[in-house]
Amino acid sequence: MKSFNHNSGQYFSIDKAKIYYEEIGMPTQPILLLLHGGFGTIENFNPIIPDLFDKYRIIGIDSRGQGKSTTGNENLTYELLQNDVEALLHYLNIESLSIIGFSDGGIVAFPGELLLLCQC
C-alpha cells in the first residue's frame, strides 16, 4: 500500500474515543507523523505520499471526531487532540519523530511535548 486508504489501519482507544491510524512506508526508516487539518482525514496527504514513501515510516492519524475516529465524551480542544497524539506515540513506543501538520494539525503539533519529540 502506497497511500492511506481507510481500510488497513488500526484503532487506539483513549477516553471512550477510538482513534484511527494507519502506518505506511518503510518500517526501518525514520518516523514521520502526519496530522491533517480540520474536517480532513489522513487521505488529504495522499498527493505527497509518493515523495515520502521510500524515505519514512509514515503514520497518519484521523483526528478525534474526523475520518474514522470517534469523538468520545469530551469536548474537542487542541489540548485533547494533542493528548490523543501523545498517547498514540507512547502506545507505539515512539520516542523520536518528525511531524508534518497543516491547519489544525499544525496547531496540535506545535505546543508542549510534541515539539520536544520532533526532530526539527
Protein backbone atom coordinates (compact mmCIF):
# COMPACT_ATOMS: atom_id res chain seq x y z
CA MET A 1 0.00 0.00 0.00
CA LYS A 2 1.48 3.32 -1.08
CA SER A 3 -1.25 5.65 0.18
CA PHE A 4 -3.74 5.93 3.01
CA ASN A 5 -6.95 4.05 2.24
CA HIS A 6 -9.02 3.89 5.44
CA ASN A 7 -9.02 0.09 5.17
CA SER A 8 -5.70 -1.15 6.50
CA GLY A 9 -5.38 0.79 9.75
CA GLN A 10 -5.97 0.15 13.40
CA TYR A 11 -7.76 1.81 16.29
CA PHE A 12 -6.29 3.08 19.53
CA SER A 13 -8.74 3.69 22.39
CA ILE A 14 -8.46 6.64 24.74
CA ASP A 15 -11.11 8.30 26.93
CA LYS A 16 -14.02 6.45 25.26
CA ALA A 17 -12.85 7.53 21.80
CA LYS A 18 -11.44 5.27 19.12
CA ILE A 19 -8.60 6.97 17.23
CA TYR A 20 -7.91 5.55 13.77
CA TYR A 21 -4.39 5.46 12.37
CA GLU A 22 -2.50 3.88 9.51
CA GLU A 23 1.17 3.14 9.00
CA ILE A 24 2.71 3.02 5.54
CA GLY A 25 6.16 3.42 4.07
CA MET A 26 9.38 1.77 5.14
CA PRO A 27 9.30 0.31 8.69
CA THR A 28 13.07 0.71 9.18
CA GLN A 29 13.22 4.37 8.14
CA PRO A 30 12.77 7.47 10.35
CA ILE A 31 9.23 8.09 11.54
CA LEU A 32 7.12 10.84 10.02
CA LEU A 33 3.80 11.72 11.66
CA LEU A 34 1.15 13.40 9.51
CA LEU A 35 -1.59 15.49 11.17
CA HIS A 36 -4.38 16.72 8.91
CA GLY A 37 -6.39 19.92 9.16
CA GLY A 38 -9.91 20.48 10.44
CA PHE A 39 -12.67 18.46 8.76
CA GLY A 40 -9.98 16.45 6.96
CA THR A 41 -8.62 12.91 7.07
CA ILE A 42 -5.34 11.13 6.57
CA GLU A 43 -6.22 10.78 2.87
CA ASN A 44 -5.57 14.54 2.48
CA PHE A 45 -1.88 13.61 2.49
CA ASN A 46 -2.08 11.09 -0.37
CA PRO A 47 -0.82 13.57 -3.02
CA ILE A 48 2.55 13.90 -1.21
CA ILE A 49 2.94 10.26 -0.13
CA PRO A 50 4.87 9.20 -3.28
CA ASP A 51 7.62 11.68 -2.36
CA LEU A 52 7.84 10.34 1.19
CA PHE A 53 7.07 6.64 0.90
CA ASP A 54 10.60 5.26 0.44
CA LYS A 55 12.20 7.63 2.96
CA TYR A 56 9.97 7.26 6.05
CA ARG A 57 7.83 5.07 8.22
CA ILE A 58 4.71 7.22 7.84
CA ILE A 59 1.97 7.37 10.47
CA GLY A 60 -1.28 9.15 9.70
CA ILE A 61 -3.93 9.80 12.35
CA ASP A 62 -7.56 10.69 11.79
CA SER A 63 -8.13 13.32 14.47
CA ARG A 64 -10.81 12.71 17.05
CA GLY A 65 -14.27 13.05 15.50
CA GLN A 66 -12.93 13.09 11.94
CA GLY A 67 -12.43 10.38 9.34
CA LYS A 68 -12.82 7.00 11.05
CA SER A 69 -12.05 8.30 14.57
CA THR A 70 -14.88 8.72 17.04
CA THR A 71 -15.42 11.76 19.25
CA GLY A 72 -15.82 10.17 22.67
CA ASN A 73 -17.41 12.11 25.53
CA GLU A 74 -15.01 15.04 25.82
CA ASN A 75 -15.40 18.48 24.26
CA LEU A 76 -12.98 18.86 21.39
CA THR A 77 -9.98 21.06 22.15
CA TYR A 78 -6.50 21.30 20.70
CA GLU A 79 -5.15 20.06 24.02
CA LEU A 80 -7.35 16.96 23.79
CA LEU A 81 -6.18 16.28 20.22
CA GLN A 82 -2.58 16.72 21.33
CA ASN A 83 -3.15 14.28 24.20
CA ASP A 84 -4.52 11.73 21.72
CA VAL A 85 -1.40 12.02 19.57
CA GLU A 86 0.93 11.77 22.57
CA ALA A 87 -0.94 8.72 23.88
CA LEU A 88 -0.67 7.01 20.50
CA LEU A 89 3.06 7.75 20.33
CA HIS A 90 3.51 6.20 23.77
CA TYR A 91 1.36 3.23 22.75
CA LEU A 92 3.55 2.68 19.67
CA ASN A 93 6.71 3.22 21.77
CA ILE A 94 7.88 6.12 19.61
CA GLU A 95 10.38 8.48 21.19
CA SER A 96 11.70 10.39 18.18
CA LEU A 97 9.94 11.56 15.03
CA SER A 98 9.33 14.34 12.56
CA ILE A 99 5.90 15.91 12.10
CA ILE A 100 4.05 17.49 9.21
CA GLY A 101 0.81 19.16 10.24
CA PHE A 102 -1.35 21.70 8.49
CA SER A 103 -4.08 23.93 9.87
CA ASP A 104 -5.47 22.21 12.99
CA GLY A 105 -2.80 19.53 12.64
CA GLY A 106 -0.10 22.20 12.76
CA ILE A 107 -1.61 23.68 15.90
CA VAL A 108 -1.74 20.24 17.54
CA ALA A 109 1.90 19.58 16.61
CA PHE A 110 3.25 22.88 17.89
CA PRO A 111 2.66 23.09 21.66
CA GLY A 112 4.13 21.14 24.53
CA GLU A 113 5.90 17.84 24.44
CA LEU A 114 5.14 17.02 20.81
CA LEU A 115 7.57 19.75 19.86
CA LEU A 116 10.19 18.19 22.12
CA LEU A 117 9.76 14.84 20.35
CA CYS A 118 10.04 16.36 16.90
CA GLN A 119 13.35 16.22 15.02
CA CYS A 120 13.14 19.78 13.77
